[in-house]
Amino acid sequence: MKKEEKGKRSAKKILISIGSIFILVLAAISFVFIPAMAQSGGEELPPFGYYHGKPIKYSQGSYFAAMVNYYYESLGNVENVNIEDEYKIFNNAFNDTVMNMAYTRAVDKSGYLVPDSAIERDLKSYFMEDGVFSQKAFNSVSENQKLDMWNAIEEALFASRYTDDVFGSQTDIMGDYSMYGLKSSSKETDFIKEMGQNQRAFDYVSFDTSKYPQEQAIAWAEKNPEVFTKYNLDVITVAEESTAKNLLRQIQAGEILFEDAIPEYSMNYYSESDGALTSSYNYQVKNIVKDEESLNAITNLAVNSVSDVIETINGYSIFKAKAEPTVANFADEDTITVVTEYMINYESGVVEAYFMDLASDFANNASLSSFELASANAGLEIKNIELSPLNYGNNPILPTLNLAGNYLPNLQNNESFFKEAYSLQLGQISKPIPLSGMVCVFKLAKEEIVDVNTIMYMYYTNYFDKLSIANAVISSDKVENNVLQVFLENTN
């Protein structure tokens, strides 16, 4: 078959590229799902964005529409796609379309033309029976369908010229290597393999910072009692400063009672419907104002007096003191609970320091006796990290931290852990290492040279290269992504 109308783009079918894998979507045999957003009102949707000033539209036969269709079909039951998934589909399709436009633009500049022989070779691959080209199958397809396929294949091969040349071909293979693209030296692979061979296993104990002792919390509170003073206040909050000032003038002039203004004006950001301030401890009041001066203006109010207009985190507020503040009773169970929760949420540094001291004492005792004996005496459970290399950030080209199902939050990104734990000698015990919500002490339990499988290394290096280019293109000022705006304006 000779190609007609060279350069024409497919109007009904398209060969779409995900990574470097091509998927031929034929209208004659493929169900095309039309999202609810694209059906609304029968009106054409506005562009979902632009790349180098060129609009990206959801239209019949467009690359963007083909990608949207692909992502819908990949979810299986398209009828049950929720709105969050639908947004992700359109956004992913938009990003794929931008990348395809970027690749095509780069190839355009080179003056490259796809050889007819390459298009014919790919076209024939869709008419194979038992590994042999079938003329009968080929003849059964209309000339228009063949032309659509030809144009779609040409478009895909044109864009893939860039990805093949830069990243290597996934279809043209010579020995163990893909043709074209950057190559990695075998010495580089050996180096990566060596990085992952020296692996270590650890025993550890953890101190849970949420179990901060009440007596410690109360001891701190007794030195800082003002933090837990409770204020008996009503509050009116409105959106605009001018409204608040006008209301205050009316209250001061006796034109309206403070209590009557509450149901009429207040947005109740900080109160119940009756105006009573709900979060009324000193530290809670501090959280809703912008500065110390505003806090003092509220907490120093005399009984039955009204504050000036005070800017709060949400809106503008007027406060009224109903009664004298209540001084904290640290023998009261409810107050003890409030103080303990406050310490964990607001004084994490004090709490962590307490457990760092406990963990330091434990580490000293373990060094003098044994890790096992010190753990038993302290009532702590010994847990394990299985053999793992030093792999900060859990880079996938190396074996990752094997936590053996234990919870050690964000340990893979904890620089202190890697510096301390991977510097230990066999049997040596670490200094305390703080993590989110806990403090841990580690012991180097085992060290081995482990043979590392690098079969996926070439895949990951290729993936990282592609990801770097994608990040550069998608974040460039040449891309205008309006997907969210169009999505919100055209969904019910």
Protein backbone atom coordinates (compact mmCIF):
# COMPACT_ATOMS: atom_id res chain seq x y z
CA MET A 1 0.00 0.00 0.00
CA LYS A 2 1.30 3.46 -0.91
CA LYS A 3 0.64 6.20 1.53
CA GLU A 4 -1.87 8.91 0.51
CA GLU A 5 -1.90 12.48 1.77
CA LYS A 6 1.53 12.25 3.38
CA GLY A 7 1.64 14.05 6.72
CA LYS A 8 -2.11 13.79 7.39
CA ARG A 9 -2.98 13.01 11.03
CA SER A 10 -5.51 10.35 11.96
CA ALA A 11 -9.02 11.68 12.48
CA LYS A 12 -10.62 8.55 13.96
CA LYS A 13 -7.87 6.31 15.25
CA ILE A 14 -4.58 7.00 16.83
CA LEU A 15 -1.49 5.16 17.81
CA ILE A 16 -0.84 6.35 21.34
CA SER A 17 2.41 6.16 23.22
CA ILE A 18 2.76 5.33 26.91
CA GLY A 19 6.46 5.30 27.69
CA SER A 20 7.65 3.69 24.48
CA ILE A 21 4.88 1.10 24.14
CA PHE A 22 2.40 1.75 21.33
CA ILE A 23 -1.29 0.98 21.57
CA LEU A 24 -3.30 1.12 18.34
CA VAL A 25 -6.89 2.21 18.96
CA LEU A 26 -9.14 1.30 16.04
CA ALA A 27 -12.60 2.84 15.94
CA ALA A 28 -13.89 -0.18 14.06
CA ILE A 29 -13.08 -2.60 16.88
CA SER A 30 -12.59 -0.45 20.00
CA PHE A 31 -15.29 0.91 22.29
CA VAL A 32 -14.74 4.64 22.76
CA PHE A 33 -15.99 5.87 26.14
CA ILE A 34 -17.18 9.47 26.24
CA PRO A 35 -16.80 10.97 29.74
CA ALA A 36 -19.81 12.70 31.26
CA MET A 37 -17.92 15.99 31.19
CA ALA A 38 -17.51 15.74 27.42
CA GLN A 39 -21.24 15.10 26.99
CA SER A 40 -22.56 18.03 28.99
CA GLY A 41 -24.80 20.35 26.98
CA GLY A 42 -23.41 19.19 23.67
CA GLU A 43 -21.03 22.14 23.72
CA GLU A 44 -17.36 21.93 22.81
CA LEU A 45 -15.13 21.97 25.85
CA PRO A 46 -12.60 24.80 26.14
CA PRO A 47 -8.90 23.91 25.82
CA PHE A 48 -7.53 22.04 28.84
CA GLY A 49 -4.31 23.99 28.51
CA TYR A 50 -1.57 24.97 26.12
CA TYR A 51 1.94 23.94 25.15
CA HIS A 52 4.04 26.58 23.40
CA GLY A 53 0.79 28.44 22.79
CA LYS A 54 -0.90 25.48 21.06
CA PRO A 55 -4.26 24.49 22.60
CA ILE A 56 -4.82 20.99 23.96
CA LYS A 57 -8.45 20.13 23.26
CA TYR A 58 -10.66 17.15 23.94
CA SER A 59 -11.82 16.54 20.37
CA GLN A 60 -12.54 13.62 18.08
CA GLY A 61 -9.36 11.85 17.03
CA SER A 62 -7.02 14.01 19.14
CA TYR A 63 -4.08 12.51 20.99
CA PHE A 64 -5.51 13.96 24.21
CA ALA A 65 -8.88 12.25 23.67
CA ALA A 66 -7.14 8.97 22.84
CA MET A 67 -5.14 9.13 26.09
CA VAL A 68 -8.27 9.94 28.11
CA ASN A 69 -9.97 6.94 26.51
CA TYR A 70 -6.99 4.72 27.26
CA TYR A 71 -6.93 5.66 30.94
CA TYR A 72 -10.68 5.11 31.27
CA GLU A 73 -10.45 1.66 29.73
CA SER A 74 -7.47 0.75 31.93
CA LEU A 75 -9.74 1.13 34.98
CA GLY A 76 -12.01 -1.63 33.74
CA ASN A 77 -15.57 -0.68 34.69
CA VAL A 78 -15.80 2.87 33.40
CA GLU A 79 -19.33 3.32 34.70
CA ASN A 80 -18.06 3.37 38.30
CA VAL A 81 -15.27 5.92 37.87
CA ASN A 82 -15.47 8.48 40.70
CA ILE A 83 -14.82 12.20 40.26
CA GLU A 84 -11.34 12.03 41.80
CA ASP A 85 -10.28 9.27 39.41
CA GLU A 86 -11.82 11.17 36.50
CA TYR A 87 -9.74 14.27 37.29
CA LYS A 88 -6.58 12.14 37.50
CA ILE A 89 -7.41 10.61 34.11
CA PHE A 90 -7.69 14.01 32.43
CA ASN A 91 -4.60 15.39 34.16
CA ASN A 92 -2.47 12.35 33.28
CA ALA A 93 -3.73 12.48 29.70
CA PHE A 94 -2.86 16.18 29.55
CA ASN A 95 0.70 15.52 30.76
CA ASP A 96 1.12 12.68 28.24
CA THR A 97 -0.12 14.96 25.48
CA VAL A 98 2.35 17.69 26.46
CA MET A 99 5.21 15.18 26.34
CA ASN A 100 4.10 13.90 22.94
CA MET A 101 3.97 17.48 21.66
CA ALA A 102 7.44 18.15 23.10
CA TYR A 103 8.91 15.07 21.43
CA THR A 104 7.20 15.88 18.13
CA ARG A 105 8.41 19.47 18.28
CA ALA A 106 12.01 18.33 18.82
CA VAL A 107 11.84 15.91 15.89
CA ASP A 108 10.20 18.55 13.68
CA LYS A 109 13.25 20.77 14.17
CA SER A 110 15.52 18.00 12.92
CA GLY A 111 13.74 17.70 9.58
CA TYR A 112 13.24 13.95 10.07
CA LEU A 113 10.65 12.09 7.96
CA VAL A 114 9.41 8.62 8.77
CA PRO A 115 10.39 6.19 5.98
CA ASP A 116 7.46 4.51 4.22
CA SER A 117 9.21 1.18 4.74
CA ALA A 118 9.08 1.64 8.53
CA ILE A 119 5.37 2.47 8.43
CA GLU A 120 4.64 -0.53 6.18
CA ARG A 121 6.58 -2.84 8.50
CA ASP A 122 4.56 -1.71 11.53
CA LEU A 123 1.29 -1.75 9.61
CA LYS A 124 1.80 -5.35 8.51
CA SER A 125 2.39 -6.42 12.12
CA TYR A 126 -1.32 -5.85 12.80
CA PHE A 127 -2.27 -8.43 10.17
CA MET A 128 -0.20 -11.41 11.27
CA GLU A 129 -1.58 -14.95 11.57
CA ASP A 130 0.65 -17.60 13.15
CA GLY A 131 3.59 -15.22 12.84
CA VAL A 132 3.07 -14.68 9.09
CA PHE A 133 1.59 -11.67 7.33
CA SER A 134 -1.95 -12.44 6.14
CA GLN A 135 -2.92 -10.81 2.87
CA LYS A 136 -6.49 -11.97 3.45
CA ALA A 137 -6.73 -10.16 6.78
CA PHE A 138 -5.15 -7.11 5.20
CA ASN A 139 -7.64 -7.10 2.32
CA SER A 140 -10.57 -7.41 4.74
CA VAL A 141 -9.90 -3.92 6.08
CA SER A 142 -11.20 -0.93 4.12
CA GLU A 143 -8.85 1.49 2.41
CA ASN A 144 -9.99 4.28 4.73
CA GLN A 145 -9.16 2.18 7.78
CA LYS A 146 -5.76 1.36 6.36
CA LEU A 147 -5.10 5.03 5.71
CA ASP A 148 -6.12 5.91 9.26
CA MET A 149 -3.77 3.24 10.58
CA TRP A 150 -0.99 4.44 8.30
CA ASN A 151 -1.33 8.01 9.53
CA ALA A 152 -1.54 6.93 13.16
CA ILE A 153 1.58 4.77 12.84
CA GLU A 154 3.44 7.58 11.11
CA GLU A 155 2.53 10.00 13.89
CA ALA A 156 3.64 7.57 16.60
CA LEU A 157 6.92 6.67 14.85
CA PHE A 158 7.63 10.36 14.35
CA ALA A 159 7.33 11.15 18.08
CA SER A 160 9.11 7.93 19.08
CA ARG A 161 12.16 8.95 17.05
CA TYR A 162 13.04 11.26 19.94
CA THR A 163 12.46 8.69 22.70
CA ASP A 164 14.32 5.97 20.79
CA ASP A 165 17.32 8.19 20.10
CA VAL A 166 17.55 9.53 23.66
CA PHE A 167 16.33 6.61 25.79
CA GLY A 168 16.82 3.62 23.50
CA SER A 169 14.30 1.52 21.64
CA GLN A 170 12.17 -1.08 23.41
CA THR A 171 11.43 -2.86 20.15
CA ASP A 172 14.81 -2.80 18.35
CA ILE A 173 17.14 -5.00 20.39
CA MET A 174 20.68 -6.13 19.67
CA GLY A 175 21.88 -8.80 22.05
CA ASP A 176 21.25 -7.65 25.61
CA TYR A 177 21.01 -3.98 24.64
CA SER A 178 18.36 -1.82 23.04
CA MET A 179 19.43 0.04 19.94
CA TYR A 180 20.00 3.80 20.14
CA GLY A 181 19.89 5.82 23.34
CA LEU A 182 22.38 6.29 26.13
CA LYS A 183 24.18 3.19 27.33
CA SER A 184 25.49 2.22 30.75
CA SER A 185 28.92 0.71 31.19
CA SER A 186 29.19 -2.76 32.71
CA LYS A 187 31.60 -1.14 35.18
CA GLU A 188 28.79 1.17 36.27
CA THR A 189 26.54 -1.82 36.90
CA ASP A 190 29.30 -3.49 38.91
CA PHE A 191 29.71 -0.31 40.95
CA ILE A 192 25.98 -0.17 41.76
CA LYS A 193 26.03 -3.86 42.64
CA GLU A 194 28.91 -3.30 45.05
CA MET A 195 27.01 -0.44 46.69
CA GLY A 196 24.25 -2.84 47.70
CA GLN A 197 26.35 -5.82 48.76
CA ASN A 198 27.44 -4.70 52.23
CA GLN A 199 24.25 -5.23 54.21
CA ARG A 200 23.48 -4.89 57.90
CA ALA A 201 20.77 -6.14 60.23
CA PHE A 202 19.79 -4.36 63.44
CA ASP A 203 18.03 -5.06 66.70
CA TYR A 204 16.27 -2.07 68.20
CA VAL A 205 13.93 -0.86 70.94
CA SER A 206 11.62 2.14 70.74
CA PHE A 207 10.20 4.58 73.27
CA ASP A 208 6.68 5.77 72.38
CA THR A 209 6.50 9.54 72.94
CA SER A 210 2.68 9.44 73.15
CA LYS A 211 3.14 7.74 76.53
CA TYR A 212 4.57 10.84 78.17
CA PRO A 213 3.99 10.43 81.93
CA GLN A 214 1.24 12.55 83.45
CA GLU A 215 3.45 13.52 86.39
CA GLN A 216 5.99 14.97 83.95
CA ALA A 217 3.25 16.90 82.15
CA ILE A 218 1.86 18.30 85.40
CA ALA A 219 5.34 19.26 86.62
CA TRP A 220 5.79 21.34 83.46
CA ALA A 221 2.28 22.83 83.76
CA GLU A 222 2.86 23.93 87.37
CA LYS A 223 5.82 25.98 86.13
CA ASN A 224 3.68 27.46 83.33
CA PRO A 225 0.16 27.69 84.83
CA GLU A 226 -0.97 30.65 82.68
CA VAL A 227 -0.99 28.39 79.62
CA PHE A 228 -3.96 26.48 81.08
CA THR A 229 -6.00 29.41 82.38
CA LYS A 230 -9.51 29.11 81.01
CA TYR A 231 -11.37 32.24 79.87
CA ASN A 232 -15.13 32.73 80.07
CA LEU A 233 -15.78 34.61 76.86
CA ASP A 234 -18.43 35.19 74.24
CA VAL A 235 -17.34 36.08 70.72
CA ILE A 236 -18.87 37.53 67.56
CA THR A 237 -16.98 36.92 64.32
CA VAL A 238 -17.71 38.48 60.92
CA ALA A 239 -15.90 38.38 57.58
CA GLU A 240 -15.20 42.09 57.03
CA GLU A 241 -13.38 44.54 59.31
CA SER A 242 -15.78 47.36 58.38
CA THR A 243 -18.76 45.24 59.45
CA ALA A 244 -17.07 44.45 62.76
CA LYS A 245 -16.26 48.12 63.46
CA ASN A 246 -19.81 49.22 62.66
CA LEU A 247 -21.20 46.49 64.91
CA LEU A 248 -18.87 47.48 67.76
CA ARG A 249 -20.02 51.10 67.42
CA GLN A 250 -23.65 49.96 67.71
CA ILE A 251 -22.87 47.81 70.78
CA GLN A 252 -21.01 50.66 72.47
CA ALA A 253 -23.84 53.09 71.67
CA GLY A 254 -26.41 50.72 73.15
CA GLU A 255 -28.19 50.33 69.81
CA ILE A 256 -27.89 46.54 70.04
CA LEU A 257 -26.99 44.18 72.86
CA PHE A 258 -23.89 42.02 72.43
CA GLU A 259 -26.01 38.92 73.11
CA ASP A 260 -28.60 39.91 70.47
CA ALA A 261 -25.87 40.56 67.89
CA ILE A 262 -24.55 36.99 68.20
CA PRO A 263 -27.36 35.17 66.33
CA GLU A 264 -27.82 38.04 63.88
CA TYR A 265 -24.20 38.63 62.83
CA SER A 266 -21.75 36.00 64.09
CA MET A 267 -20.35 33.36 61.72
CA ASN A 268 -19.58 31.16 64.77
CA TYR A 269 -16.05 30.23 63.69
CA TYR A 270 -14.91 29.99 67.31
CA SER A 271 -18.17 29.50 69.20
CA GLU A 272 -21.40 27.61 69.56
CA SER A 273 -24.60 29.26 68.33
CA ASP A 274 -24.95 31.01 71.70
CA GLY A 275 -21.60 32.77 71.19
CA ALA A 276 -19.69 30.96 73.93
CA LEU A 277 -16.00 30.57 72.97
CA THR A 278 -15.41 26.83 72.58
CA SER A 279 -11.61 26.63 72.71
CA SER A 280 -11.01 28.85 75.68
CA TYR A 281 -7.70 27.80 77.27
CA ASN A 282 -4.99 30.44 77.02
CA TYR A 283 -3.00 28.46 74.44
CA GLN A 284 -6.13 27.94 72.35
CA VAL A 285 -7.05 31.63 72.36
CA LYS A 286 -3.45 32.35 71.35
CA ASN A 287 -3.93 30.12 68.29
CA ILE A 288 -6.78 32.19 66.86
CA VAL A 289 -5.17 35.66 67.05
CA LYS A 290 -2.36 37.15 65.04
CA ASP A 291 -0.06 38.54 67.76
CA GLU A 292 0.69 38.77 71.47
CA GLU A 293 -0.86 42.23 71.76
CA SER A 294 -4.22 40.88 70.60
CA LEU A 295 -3.96 37.97 73.03
CA ASN A 296 -3.32 40.34 75.96
CA ALA A 297 -6.26 42.52 74.92
CA ILE A 298 -8.57 39.52 75.19
CA THR A 299 -7.18 37.87 78.31
CA ASN A 300 -7.08 41.17 80.27
CA LEU A 301 -10.75 42.00 79.70
CA ALA A 302 -12.69 42.94 82.83
CA VAL A 303 -15.95 41.12 83.47
CA ASN A 304 -18.78 42.40 81.19
CA SER A 305 -16.37 44.52 79.14
CA VAL A 306 -16.12 44.27 75.35
CA SER A 307 -12.91 44.23 73.32
CA ASP A 308 -12.04 46.32 70.32
CA VAL A 309 -12.24 44.66 66.90
CA ILE A 310 -9.50 42.04 66.77
CA GLU A 311 -8.28 40.37 63.60
CA THR A 312 -8.44 36.59 64.03
CA ILE A 313 -7.27 33.74 61.83
CA ASN A 314 -10.72 33.67 60.21
CA GLY A 315 -12.35 37.07 60.01
CA TYR A 316 -12.65 39.85 62.59
CA SER A 317 -13.90 39.26 66.12
CA ILE A 318 -15.31 41.09 69.13
CA PHE A 319 -14.94 39.42 72.53
CA LYS A 320 -16.89 39.91 75.78
CA ALA A 321 -15.82 38.62 79.19
CA LYS A 322 -18.72 36.87 80.97
CA ALA A 323 -16.87 35.98 84.18
CA GLU A 324 -13.44 35.90 85.75
CA PRO A 325 -10.92 33.47 84.18
CA THR A 326 -10.70 30.01 85.74
CA VAL A 327 -7.29 29.12 87.11
CA ALA A 328 -6.23 25.57 86.28
CA ASN A 329 -6.63 22.89 88.97
CA PHE A 330 -3.86 20.39 88.24
CA ALA A 331 -5.41 17.80 90.55
CA ASP A 332 -8.50 17.60 88.32
CA GLU A 333 -8.56 14.56 86.00
CA ASP A 334 -9.95 16.49 83.04
CA THR A 335 -7.26 19.14 83.43
CA ILE A 336 -4.56 16.47 83.65
CA THR A 337 -5.80 15.02 80.35
CA VAL A 338 -5.77 18.47 78.72
CA VAL A 339 -2.25 19.15 79.98
CA THR A 340 -0.91 15.79 78.80
CA GLU A 341 -2.43 16.21 75.32
CA TYR A 342 -1.08 19.75 75.16
CA MET A 343 2.44 18.58 75.95
CA ILE A 344 2.38 15.95 73.19
CA ASN A 345 0.91 18.32 70.60
CA TYR A 346 2.54 21.64 71.48
CA GLU A 347 5.68 20.86 73.48
CA SER A 348 7.09 18.00 71.45
CA GLY A 349 10.62 19.24 72.10
CA VAL A 350 10.15 18.87 75.88
CA VAL A 351 8.57 15.45 75.43
CA GLU A 352 11.30 14.26 73.05
CA ALA A 353 14.04 15.46 75.42
CA TYR A 354 12.51 13.37 78.22
CA PHE A 355 12.54 10.22 76.10
CA MET A 356 16.00 10.99 74.71
CA ASP A 357 17.24 10.96 78.32
CA LEU A 358 15.46 7.65 78.96
CA ALA A 359 16.89 6.16 75.77
CA SER A 360 20.37 7.41 76.62
CA ASP A 361 20.17 5.71 80.03
CA PHE A 362 19.01 2.54 78.29
CA ALA A 363 21.91 2.65 75.81
CA ASN A 364 24.41 3.08 78.65
CA ASN A 365 22.91 0.16 80.58
CA ALA A 366 22.89 -2.01 77.45
CA SER A 367 26.55 -1.22 76.82
CA LEU A 368 27.45 -2.21 80.40
CA SER A 369 25.38 -5.41 80.42
CA SER A 370 23.69 -6.53 77.19
CA PHE A 371 21.03 -5.26 74.84
CA GLU A 372 18.79 -8.18 75.77
CA LEU A 373 19.15 -7.74 79.54
CA ALA A 374 18.66 -3.98 79.42
CA SER A 375 15.53 -4.46 77.28
CA ALA A 376 14.09 -6.99 79.71
CA ASN A 377 14.79 -4.74 82.70
CA ALA A 378 13.15 -1.77 80.96
CA GLY A 379 10.17 -3.83 79.76
CA LEU A 380 10.95 -3.07 76.12
CA GLU A 381 10.35 -5.38 73.17
CA ILE A 382 13.31 -6.02 70.86
CA LYS A 383 12.40 -5.69 67.19
CA ASN A 384 14.46 -6.17 64.04
CA ILE A 385 15.51 -4.64 60.76
CA GLU A 386 16.56 -7.40 58.40
CA LEU A 387 19.71 -7.27 56.26
CA SER A 388 19.69 -4.03 54.28
CA PRO A 389 22.31 -1.90 52.51
CA LEU A 390 22.87 1.79 53.19
CA ASN A 391 20.17 3.16 50.93
CA TYR A 392 19.10 6.66 51.88
CA GLY A 393 15.67 7.42 50.44
CA ASN A 394 15.04 3.79 49.41
CA ASN A 395 16.37 4.32 45.90
CA PRO A 396 14.93 1.42 43.88
CA ILE A 397 18.20 0.61 42.12
CA LEU A 398 19.39 -0.89 45.44
CA PRO A 399 17.70 -3.22 47.92
CA THR A 400 15.57 -1.10 50.25
CA LEU A 401 15.33 -1.07 54.05
CA ASN A 402 13.74 -4.32 55.20
CA LEU A 403 11.76 -3.32 58.28
CA ALA A 404 10.29 -6.81 58.69
CA GLY A 405 6.81 -5.33 59.02
CA ASN A 406 7.74 -2.95 61.84
CA TYR A 407 6.60 0.68 61.97
CA LEU A 408 9.52 3.09 61.82
CA PRO A 409 8.10 6.29 60.27
CA ASN A 410 10.17 7.77 57.43
CA LEU A 411 13.27 5.89 58.57
CA GLN A 412 14.49 5.64 54.97
CA ASN A 413 14.87 9.45 54.90
CA ASN A 414 16.38 9.84 58.36
CA GLU A 415 19.96 11.02 57.88
CA SER A 416 20.79 10.60 61.57
CA PHE A 417 19.83 6.93 61.44
CA PHE A 418 22.09 6.13 58.49
CA LYS A 419 25.05 8.10 59.86
CA GLU A 420 24.77 6.54 63.30
CA ALA A 421 23.55 2.99 62.64
CA TYR A 422 25.74 2.28 59.61
CA SER A 423 28.83 3.47 61.48
CA LEU A 424 28.40 0.90 64.26
CA GLN A 425 30.74 -2.02 64.80
CA LEU A 426 29.22 -5.49 65.20
CA GLY A 427 27.40 -5.65 68.55
CA GLN A 428 27.82 -1.92 69.18
CA ILE A 429 24.84 0.12 70.42
CA SER A 430 23.79 3.44 68.91
CA LYS A 431 23.01 6.75 70.51
CA PRO A 432 19.27 7.52 70.79
CA ILE A 433 17.76 8.45 67.41
CA PRO A 434 14.49 10.44 67.37
CA LEU A 435 11.82 9.50 64.82
CA SER A 436 8.28 10.80 64.43
CA GLY A 437 6.44 9.77 67.59
CA MET A 438 9.27 7.66 69.01
CA VAL A 439 12.90 7.51 70.08
CA CYS A 440 14.91 4.41 69.09
CA VAL A 441 18.16 2.72 70.10
CA PHE A 442 19.77 0.32 67.61
CA LYS A 443 22.30 -2.48 67.88
CA LEU A 444 24.23 -3.82 64.90
CA ALA A 445 23.25 -7.49 65.02
CA LYS A 446 24.68 -8.82 61.75
CA GLU A 447 26.79 -7.77 58.78
CA GLU A 448 27.04 -9.78 55.55
CA ILE A 449 28.14 -9.46 51.94
CA VAL A 450 25.05 -10.30 49.90
CA ASP A 451 24.89 -10.96 46.16
CA VAL A 452 22.70 -8.23 44.63
CA ASN A 453 20.55 -8.77 41.55
CA THR A 454 21.02 -5.83 39.16
CA ILE A 455 18.66 -7.07 36.45
CA MET A 456 16.38 -4.04 36.96
CA TYR A 457 19.19 -1.49 36.97
CA MET A 458 18.95 -0.69 33.25
CA TYR A 459 15.19 -0.27 33.58
CA TYR A 460 15.51 2.21 36.44
CA THR A 461 18.26 4.29 34.83
CA ASN A 462 16.08 4.59 31.73
CA TYR A 463 13.06 5.45 33.89
CA PHE A 464 14.98 8.15 35.78
CA ASP A 465 16.12 9.71 32.49
CA LYS A 466 12.54 9.85 31.23
CA LEU A 467 11.26 11.20 34.54
CA SER A 468 13.86 13.98 34.52
CA ILE A 469 12.84 15.15 31.06
CA ALA A 470 9.14 14.88 31.91
CA ASN A 471 9.61 16.97 35.07
CA ALA A 472 11.54 19.61 33.13
CA VAL A 473 8.92 19.85 30.38
CA ILE A 474 5.78 19.71 32.55
CA SER A 475 7.12 22.34 34.97
CA SER A 476 8.33 24.72 32.26
CA ASP A 477 6.70 28.10 31.59
CA LYS A 478 5.74 26.82 28.13
CA VAL A 479 3.03 24.65 29.71
CA GLU A 480 -0.30 26.11 30.83
CA ASN A 481 -2.32 23.46 32.66
CA ASN A 482 -5.99 24.43 32.99
CA VAL A 483 -7.26 20.89 33.61
CA LEU A 484 -8.58 21.59 37.11
CA GLN A 485 -10.35 24.78 36.04
CA VAL A 486 -12.03 23.16 33.00
CA PHE A 487 -12.82 20.05 35.02
CA LEU A 488 -14.54 21.98 37.84
CA GLU A 489 -16.47 24.22 35.46
CA ASN A 490 -17.82 21.30 33.41
CA THR A 491 -18.68 18.62 35.96
CA ASN A 492 -21.83 18.43 38.02
